[in-house]
């Protein structure tokens, strides 16, 4: 059998192409997410065993699961476009997907539409039972009239982040009061749900004035180390 000519052993291999680099980036993210997710999940199981089923809030548990689903879609998007959905990714998403949906950065609903355009088949991860979202999404998301329509998204979104930012930075939060940086304590037994870039979902206590404190200051305070001196670009749900 005739063998093909081989390059000399001292010749370096050619650099990987763009698709290979994208695949390598996605695999690193998958392994990283998998490693991070094991410990919080085990902790949740232990906590659930210790506190017993009678003390768990099923609405909050569902919302936390949905936030983790959003996290996976966000990191898949970041692997494809180099950052999480924001105004700067809209042209690339339109070009790559030919989506019929109107994409803009006026709300979390509109920015999360980029995840749907990128292949997410369900609207349900964006939902949680709150006064603003009394009905579950219908998973009909092929037109502007029904793709994450007003009332189908419960979470606010922090635009402008990438997977290389501070792992402690919040990226999706709720239930945030419309146009404010205060949280509604009623839906989840006085807790705010915070999805961080390290894929953890933290139920943090809401203060009497509606704020959530972290490191002794408001979670949205630009002095928080993860905001690097800039106020977060909050997008509220419709």
C-alpha atoms as a PDB file:
ATOM      1  CA  UNK A   1       0.000   0.000   0.000  1.00  0.00           C
ATOM      2  CA  UNK A   2       1.482   3.327  -1.056  1.00  0.00           C
ATOM      3  CA  UNK A   3       1.933   5.873   1.742  1.00  0.00           C
ATOM      4  CA  UNK A   4       1.514   9.586   1.271  1.00  0.00           C
ATOM      5  CA  UNK A   5       4.591  11.788   1.660  1.00  0.00           C
ATOM      6  CA  UNK A   6       4.972  13.143   5.193  1.00  0.00           C
ATOM      7  CA  UNK A   7       6.461  16.491   6.235  1.00  0.00           C
ATOM      8  CA  UNK A   8       9.775  16.455   8.098  1.00  0.00           C
ATOM      9  CA  UNK A   9       9.445  15.852  11.833  1.00  0.00           C
ATOM     10  CA  UNK A  10      10.854  19.267  12.704  1.00  0.00           C
ATOM     11  CA  UNK A  11       8.205  21.173  10.718  1.00  0.00           C
ATOM     12  CA  UNK A  12       5.592  22.702  13.095  1.00  0.00           C
ATOM     13  CA  UNK A  13       1.938  21.819  12.629  1.00  0.00           C
ATOM     14  CA  UNK A  14      -0.211  24.436  10.878  1.00  0.00           C
ATOM     15  CA  UNK A  15      -2.233  26.711  13.207  1.00  0.00           C
ATOM     16  CA  UNK A  16      -5.877  25.723  13.796  1.00  0.00           C
ATOM     17  CA  UNK A  17      -8.514  27.412  11.669  1.00  0.00           C
ATOM     18  CA  UNK A  18     -11.365  29.599  12.895  1.00  0.00           C
ATOM     19  CA  UNK A  19     -13.834  26.706  13.244  1.00  0.00           C
ATOM     20  CA  UNK A  20     -11.294  24.635  15.174  1.00  0.00           C
ATOM     21  CA  UNK A  21     -10.630  27.538  17.536  1.00  0.00           C
ATOM     22  CA  UNK A  22     -14.373  28.009  18.091  1.00  0.00           C
ATOM     23  CA  UNK A  23     -14.755  24.282  18.877  1.00  0.00           C
ATOM     24  CA  UNK A  24     -11.835  24.370  21.298  1.00  0.00           C
ATOM     25  CA  UNK A  25     -13.326  27.419  23.040  1.00  0.00           C
ATOM     26  CA  UNK A  26     -16.710  25.740  23.363  1.00  0.00           C
ATOM     27  CA  UNK A  27     -15.186  22.533  24.773  1.00  0.00           C
ATOM     28  CA  UNK A  28     -13.218  24.484  27.383  1.00  0.00           C
ATOM     29  CA  UNK A  29     -16.382  26.280  28.440  1.00  0.00           C
ATOM     30  CA  UNK A  30     -18.328  22.992  28.632  1.00  0.00           C
ATOM     31  CA  UNK A  31     -15.683  21.343  30.831  1.00  0.00           C
ATOM     32  CA  UNK A  32     -15.483  24.461  33.004  1.00  0.00           C
ATOM     33  CA  UNK A  33     -19.242  24.658  33.428  1.00  0.00           C
ATOM     34  CA  UNK A  34     -19.447  20.943  34.201  1.00  0.00           C
ATOM     35  CA  UNK A  35     -16.816  21.188  36.910  1.00  0.00           C
ATOM     36  CA  UNK A  36     -18.462  24.199  38.502  1.00  0.00           C
ATOM     37  CA  UNK A  37     -21.985  22.795  38.393  1.00  0.00           C
ATOM     38  CA  UNK A  38     -21.227  19.570  40.285  1.00  0.00           C
ATOM     39  CA  UNK A  39     -20.595  21.190  43.655  1.00  0.00           C
ATOM     40  CA  UNK A  40     -23.542  23.624  43.768  1.00  0.00           C
ATOM     41  CA  UNK A  41     -25.872  20.821  42.682  1.00  0.00           C
ATOM     42  CA  UNK A  42     -24.565  18.523  45.407  1.00  0.00           C
ATOM     43  CA  UNK A  43     -24.941  21.335  47.916  1.00  0.00           C
ATOM     44  CA  UNK A  44     -28.533  21.927  46.863  1.00  0.00           C
ATOM     45  CA  UNK A  45     -29.346  18.243  47.288  1.00  0.00           C
ATOM     46  CA  UNK A  46     -27.873  18.264  50.783  1.00  0.00           C
ATOM     47  CA  UNK A  47     -29.689  21.471  51.680  1.00  0.00           C
ATOM     48  CA  UNK A  48     -32.975  20.074  50.409  1.00  0.00           C
ATOM     49  CA  UNK A  49     -32.475  16.953  52.540  1.00  0.00           C
ATOM     50  CA  UNK A  50     -31.685  18.996  55.647  1.00  0.00           C
ATOM     51  CA  UNK A  51     -34.547  21.488  55.432  1.00  0.00           C
ATOM     52  CA  UNK A  52     -37.153  18.991  54.251  1.00  0.00           C
ATOM     53  CA  UNK A  53     -39.698  19.331  51.462  1.00  0.00           C
ATOM     54  CA  UNK A  54     -42.162  21.302  53.558  1.00  0.00           C
ATOM     55  CA  UNK A  55     -39.866  24.344  53.693  1.00  0.00           C
ATOM     56  CA  UNK A  56     -38.946  24.547  50.005  1.00  0.00           C
ATOM     57  CA  UNK A  57     -40.552  27.107  47.712  1.00  0.00           C
ATOM     58  CA  UNK A  58     -41.380  25.291  44.440  1.00  0.00           C
ATOM     59  CA  UNK A  59     -41.670  28.563  42.514  1.00  0.00           C
ATOM     60  CA  UNK A  60     -38.202  29.609  43.630  1.00  0.00           C
ATOM     61  CA  UNK A  61     -36.769  26.178  42.845  1.00  0.00           C
ATOM     62  CA  UNK A  62     -38.206  26.317  39.333  1.00  0.00           C
ATOM     63  CA  UNK A  63     -36.854  29.830  38.804  1.00  0.00           C
ATOM     64  CA  UNK A  64     -33.374  28.716  39.880  1.00  0.00           C
ATOM     65  CA  UNK A  65     -33.456  25.790  37.451  1.00  0.00           C
ATOM     66  CA  UNK A  66     -34.527  28.145  34.692  1.00  0.00           C
ATOM     67  CA  UNK A  67     -31.643  30.481  35.463  1.00  0.00           C
ATOM     68  CA  UNK A  68     -29.179  27.622  35.070  1.00  0.00           C
ATOM     69  CA  UNK A  69     -30.719  26.813  31.693  1.00  0.00           C
ATOM     70  CA  UNK A  70     -30.256  30.452  30.692  1.00  0.00           C
ATOM     71  CA  UNK A  71     -26.614  30.212  31.771  1.00  0.00           C
ATOM     72  CA  UNK A  72     -25.943  27.290  29.433  1.00  0.00           C
ATOM     73  CA  UNK A  73     -27.495  29.166  26.505  1.00  0.00           C
ATOM     74  CA  UNK A  74     -25.496  32.283  27.337  1.00  0.00           C
ATOM     75  CA  UNK A  75     -22.191  30.428  27.359  1.00  0.00           C
ATOM     76  CA  UNK A  76     -23.032  28.649  24.120  1.00  0.00           C
ATOM     77  CA  UNK A  77     -23.754  32.065  22.612  1.00  0.00           C
ATOM     78  CA  UNK A  78     -20.497  33.475  23.983  1.00  0.00           C
ATOM     79  CA  UNK A  79     -18.581  30.598  22.397  1.00  0.00           C
ATOM     80  CA  UNK A  80     -20.094  31.456  19.015  1.00  0.00           C
ATOM     81  CA  UNK A  81     -19.976  35.264  19.132  1.00  0.00           C
ATOM     82  CA  UNK A  82     -17.224  36.090  21.628  1.00  0.00           C
ATOM     83  CA  UNK A  83     -19.484  37.723  24.212  1.00  0.00           C
ATOM     84  CA  UNK A  84     -22.954  37.517  25.692  1.00  0.00           C
ATOM     85  CA  UNK A  85     -25.884  39.127  23.832  1.00  0.00           C
ATOM     86  CA  UNK A  86     -25.756  42.900  23.652  1.00  0.00           C
ATOM     87  CA  UNK A  87     -26.151  45.627  21.046  1.00  0.00           C
ATOM     88  CA  UNK A  88     -22.778  44.810  19.477  1.00  0.00           C
ATOM     89  CA  UNK A  89     -23.704  41.184  18.692  1.00  0.00           C
ATOM     90  CA  UNK A  90     -26.939  42.009  16.844  1.00  0.00           C
ATOM     91  CA  UNK A  91     -25.401  42.399  13.340  1.00  0.00           C
ATOM     92  CA  UNK A  92     -23.507  39.101  13.624  1.00  0.00           C
ATOM     93  CA  UNK A  93     -26.594  37.237  14.862  1.00  0.00           C
ATOM     94  CA  UNK A  94     -28.719  38.618  12.044  1.00  0.00           C
ATOM     95  CA  UNK A  95     -26.077  37.659   9.489  1.00  0.00           C
ATOM     96  CA  UNK A  96     -25.507  34.158  10.879  1.00  0.00           C
ATOM     97  CA  UNK A  97     -29.123  33.173  11.506  1.00  0.00           C
ATOM     98  CA  UNK A  98     -31.285  35.244   9.135  1.00  0.00           C
ATOM     99  CA  UNK A  99     -33.734  35.516  12.043  1.00  0.00           C
ATOM    100  CA  UNK A 100     -37.050  37.230  11.261  1.00  0.00           C
ATOM    101  CA  UNK A 101     -37.173  38.626  14.807  1.00  0.00           C
ATOM    102  CA  UNK A 102     -36.522  42.269  15.582  1.00  0.00           C
ATOM    103  CA  UNK A 103     -33.400  42.456  17.733  1.00  0.00           C
ATOM    104  CA  UNK A 104     -32.528  45.447  19.884  1.00  0.00           C
ATOM    105  CA  UNK A 105     -31.246  46.205  23.372  1.00  0.00           C
ATOM    106  CA  UNK A 106     -34.276  47.989  24.825  1.00  0.00           C
ATOM    107  CA  UNK A 107     -35.178  45.186  27.265  1.00  0.00           C
ATOM    108  CA  UNK A 108     -34.061  41.795  28.507  1.00  0.00           C
ATOM    109  CA  UNK A 109     -36.811  40.243  26.361  1.00  0.00           C
ATOM    110  CA  UNK A 110     -35.290  41.712  23.202  1.00  0.00           C
ATOM    111  CA  UNK A 111     -31.716  40.766  24.108  1.00  0.00           C
ATOM    112  CA  UNK A 112     -32.715  37.220  25.072  1.00  0.00           C
ATOM    113  CA  UNK A 113     -34.253  36.898  21.600  1.00  0.00           C
ATOM    114  CA  UNK A 114     -30.679  36.546  20.355  1.00  0.00           C
ATOM    115  CA  UNK A 115     -30.473  33.246  22.252  1.00  0.00           C
ATOM    116  CA  UNK A 116     -33.615  32.055  20.468  1.00  0.00           C
ATOM    117  CA  UNK A 117     -32.159  33.122  17.125  1.00  0.00           C
ATOM    118  CA  UNK A 118     -29.011  31.181  18.027  1.00  0.00           C
ATOM    119  CA  UNK A 119     -30.993  27.949  18.403  1.00  0.00           C
ATOM    120  CA  UNK A 120     -32.722  27.907  21.802  1.00  0.00           C
ATOM    121  CA  UNK A 121     -36.093  26.237  21.181  1.00  0.00           C
ATOM    122  CA  UNK A 122     -37.976  27.214  24.328  1.00  0.00           C
ATOM    123  CA  UNK A 123     -39.031  30.426  26.048  1.00  0.00           C
ATOM    124  CA  UNK A 124     -39.633  28.647  29.362  1.00  0.00           C
ATOM    125  CA  UNK A 125     -36.142  29.257  30.866  1.00  0.00           C
ATOM    126  CA  UNK A 126     -36.880  32.994  30.927  1.00  0.00           C
ATOM    127  CA  UNK A 127     -40.044  32.565  32.968  1.00  0.00           C
ATOM    128  CA  UNK A 128     -40.678  32.525  36.705  1.00  0.00           C
ATOM    129  CA  UNK A 129     -43.885  32.910  38.660  1.00  0.00           C
ATOM    130  CA  UNK A 130     -44.075  36.603  39.568  1.00  0.00           C
ATOM    131  CA  UNK A 131     -46.818  39.262  39.472  1.00  0.00           C
ATOM    132  CA  UNK A 132     -45.362  40.481  36.154  1.00  0.00           C
ATOM    133  CA  UNK A 133     -45.453  37.003  34.585  1.00  0.00           C
ATOM    134  CA  UNK A 134     -48.644  35.204  35.686  1.00  0.00           C
ATOM    135  CA  UNK A 135     -48.801  32.928  32.611  1.00  0.00           C
ATOM    136  CA  UNK A 136     -46.204  30.496  31.341  1.00  0.00           C
ATOM    137  CA  UNK A 137     -44.738  31.111  27.876  1.00  0.00           C
ATOM    138  CA  UNK A 138     -46.326  29.155  25.037  1.00  0.00           C
ATOM    139  CA  UNK A 139     -43.031  28.365  23.238  1.00  0.00           C
ATOM    140  CA  UNK A 140     -44.359  30.034  20.086  1.00  0.00           C
ATOM    141  CA  UNK A 141     -41.467  32.297  19.214  1.00  0.00           C
ATOM    142  CA  UNK A 142     -41.307  32.765  15.451  1.00  0.00           C
ATOM    143  CA  UNK A 143     -42.602  36.351  15.187  1.00  0.00           C
ATOM    144  CA  UNK A 144     -42.148  39.662  16.989  1.00  0.00           C
ATOM    145  CA  UNK A 145     -45.668  39.331  18.380  1.00  0.00           C
ATOM    146  CA  UNK A 146     -44.978  36.094  20.254  1.00  0.00           C
ATOM    147  CA  UNK A 147     -41.194  35.716  20.784  1.00  0.00           C
ATOM    148  CA  UNK A 148     -40.671  36.529  24.463  1.00  0.00           C
ATOM    149  CA  UNK A 149     -43.723  38.752  24.407  1.00  0.00           C
ATOM    150  CA  UNK A 150     -44.326  41.142  27.321  1.00  0.00           C
ATOM    151  CA  UNK A 151     -45.085  39.109  30.434  1.00  0.00           C
ATOM    152  CA  UNK A 152     -43.116  36.034  29.268  1.00  0.00           C
ATOM    153  CA  UNK A 153     -39.763  37.068  30.779  1.00  0.00           C
ATOM    154  CA  UNK A 154     -39.267  37.437  34.532  1.00  0.00           C
ATOM    155  CA  UNK A 155     -35.578  38.284  34.673  1.00  0.00           C
ATOM    156  CA  UNK A 156     -33.471  41.400  34.229  1.00  0.00           C
ATOM    157  CA  UNK A 157     -30.210  41.085  32.313  1.00  0.00           C
ATOM    158  CA  UNK A 158     -26.832  42.793  32.690  1.00  0.00           C
ATOM    159  CA  UNK A 159     -25.615  43.622  29.183  1.00  0.00           C
ATOM    160  CA  UNK A 160     -22.009  44.066  28.091  1.00  0.00           C
ATOM    161  CA  UNK A 161     -20.347  41.077  29.792  1.00  0.00           C
ATOM    162  CA  UNK A 162     -18.247  38.214  28.433  1.00  0.00           C
ATOM    163  CA  UNK A 163     -17.233  34.826  29.808  1.00  0.00           C
ATOM    164  CA  UNK A 164     -13.807  36.270  30.677  1.00  0.00           C
ATOM    165  CA  UNK A 165     -15.231  38.843  33.111  1.00  0.00           C
ATOM    166  CA  UNK A 166     -15.180  38.426  36.891  1.00  0.00           C
ATOM    167  CA  UNK A 167     -16.840  35.070  37.744  1.00  0.00           C
ATOM    168  CA  UNK A 168     -18.643  36.752  40.652  1.00  0.00           C
ATOM    169  CA  UNK A 169     -20.383  39.272  38.378  1.00  0.00           C
ATOM    170  CA  UNK A 170     -24.185  38.922  38.228  1.00  0.00           C
ATOM    171  CA  UNK A 171     -25.578  38.581  34.711  1.00  0.00           C
ATOM    172  CA  UNK A 172     -29.268  37.645  35.198  1.00  0.00           C
ATOM    173  CA  UNK A 173     -31.282  38.677  38.267  1.00  0.00           C
ATOM    174  CA  UNK A 174     -34.843  38.739  39.510  1.00  0.00           C
ATOM    175  CA  UNK A 175     -37.424  39.688  40.484  1.00  0.00           C
ATOM    176  CA  UNK A 176     -36.215  43.257  39.879  1.00  0.00           C
ATOM    177  CA  UNK A 177     -38.811  46.010  40.078  1.00  0.00           C
ATOM    178  CA  UNK A 178     -39.443  47.703  36.740  1.00  0.00           C
ATOM    179  CA  UNK A 179     -36.989  50.517  36.076  1.00  0.00           C
ATOM    180  CA  UNK A 180     -35.503  50.268  39.579  1.00  0.00           C
ATOM    181  CA  UNK A 181     -32.551  48.587  41.266  1.00  0.00           C
ATOM    182  CA  UNK A 182     -34.754  47.234  44.050  1.00  0.00           C
ATOM    183  CA  UNK A 183     -36.212  43.747  44.220  1.00  0.00           C
ATOM    184  CA  UNK A 184     -39.747  42.522  44.872  1.00  0.00           C
ATOM    185  CA  UNK A 185     -39.614  40.348  48.019  1.00  0.00           C
ATOM    186  CA  UNK A 186     -42.992  38.666  47.510  1.00  0.00           C
ATOM    187  CA  UNK A 187     -42.443  35.972  44.834  1.00  0.00           C
ATOM    188  CA  UNK A 188     -39.564  34.037  46.435  1.00  0.00           C
ATOM    189  CA  UNK A 189     -39.985  34.375  50.200  1.00  0.00           C
ATOM    190  CA  UNK A 190     -37.922  37.540  50.523  1.00  0.00           C
ATOM    191  CA  UNK A 191     -35.098  36.334  48.289  1.00  0.00           C
ATOM    192  CA  UNK A 192     -33.575  37.723  45.117  1.00  0.00           C
ATOM    193  CA  UNK A 193     -32.182  35.196  42.647  1.00  0.00           C
ATOM    194  CA  UNK A 194     -28.770  36.075  41.233  1.00  0.00           C
ATOM    195  CA  UNK A 195     -27.123  34.177  38.360  1.00  0.00           C
ATOM    196  CA  UNK A 196     -23.380  34.835  38.383  1.00  0.00           C
ATOM    197  CA  UNK A 197     -20.825  34.239  35.640  1.00  0.00           C
ATOM    198  CA  UNK A 198     -19.528  31.243  37.604  1.00  0.00           C
ATOM    199  CA  UNK A 199     -22.918  29.576  36.874  1.00  0.00           C
ATOM    200  CA  UNK A 200     -23.977  29.720  40.513  1.00  0.00           C
ATOM    201  CA  UNK A 201     -27.530  30.823  41.317  1.00  0.00           C
ATOM    202  CA  UNK A 202     -27.689  32.485  44.708  1.00  0.00           C
ATOM    203  CA  UNK A 203     -30.864  33.310  46.657  1.00  0.00           C
ATOM    204  CA  UNK A 204     -29.864  36.478  48.525  1.00  0.00           C
ATOM    205  CA  UNK A 205     -31.995  38.227  51.163  1.00  0.00           C
ATOM    206  CA  UNK A 206     -33.850  41.366  50.110  1.00  0.00           C
ATOM    207  CA  UNK A 207     -33.570  44.245  52.581  1.00  0.00           C
ATOM    208  CA  UNK A 208     -36.619  46.170  53.809  1.00  0.00           C
ATOM    209  CA  UNK A 209     -35.886  48.920  51.280  1.00  0.00           C
ATOM    210  CA  UNK A 210     -35.771  46.385  48.434  1.00  0.00           C
ATOM    211  CA  UNK A 211     -32.014  46.395  47.987  1.00  0.00           C
ATOM    212  CA  UNK A 212     -29.733  43.364  47.928  1.00  0.00           C
ATOM    213  CA  UNK A 213     -26.434  43.820  49.741  1.00  0.00           C
ATOM    214  CA  UNK A 214     -23.162  42.116  48.907  1.00  0.00           C
ATOM    215  CA  UNK A 215     -19.741  42.966  50.322  1.00  0.00           C
ATOM    216  CA  UNK A 216     -21.524  45.488  52.550  1.00  0.00           C
ATOM    217  CA  UNK A 217     -22.956  47.532  49.666  1.00  0.00           C
ATOM    218  CA  UNK A 218     -25.729  47.469  47.078  1.00  0.00           C
ATOM    219  CA  UNK A 219     -25.183  44.669  44.578  1.00  0.00           C
ATOM    220  CA  UNK A 220     -25.417  47.209  41.726  1.00  0.00           C
ATOM    221  CA  UNK A 221     -22.990  49.690  43.314  1.00  0.00           C
ATOM    222  CA  UNK A 222     -20.172  50.472  40.824  1.00  0.00           C
ATOM    223  CA  UNK A 223     -17.722  50.044  43.719  1.00  0.00           C
ATOM    224  CA  UNK A 224     -18.409  46.313  43.727  1.00  0.00           C
ATOM    225  CA  UNK A 225     -15.157  44.706  42.527  1.00  0.00           C
ATOM    226  CA  UNK A 226     -16.888  42.840  39.708  1.00  0.00           C
ATOM    227  CA  UNK A 227     -18.274  46.072  38.143  1.00  0.00           C
ATOM    228  CA  UNK A 228     -14.786  47.601  37.911  1.00  0.00           C
ATOM    229  CA  UNK A 229     -15.993  51.098  38.700  1.00  0.00           C
ATOM    230  CA  UNK A 230     -18.770  51.207  36.090  1.00  0.00           C
ATOM    231  CA  UNK A 231     -22.496  51.066  36.762  1.00  0.00           C
ATOM    232  CA  UNK A 232     -23.976  47.837  35.347  1.00  0.00           C
ATOM    233  CA  UNK A 233     -26.018  48.141  32.162  1.00  0.00           C
ATOM    234  CA  UNK A 234     -29.319  46.756  33.442  1.00  0.00           C
ATOM    235  CA  UNK A 235     -32.012  45.693  30.983  1.00  0.00           C
ATOM    236  CA  UNK A 236     -35.415  45.182  32.589  1.00  0.00           C
ATOM    237  CA  UNK A 237     -38.044  42.733  31.302  1.00  0.00           C
ATOM    238  CA  UNK A 238     -41.158  43.937  29.512  1.00  0.00           C
END
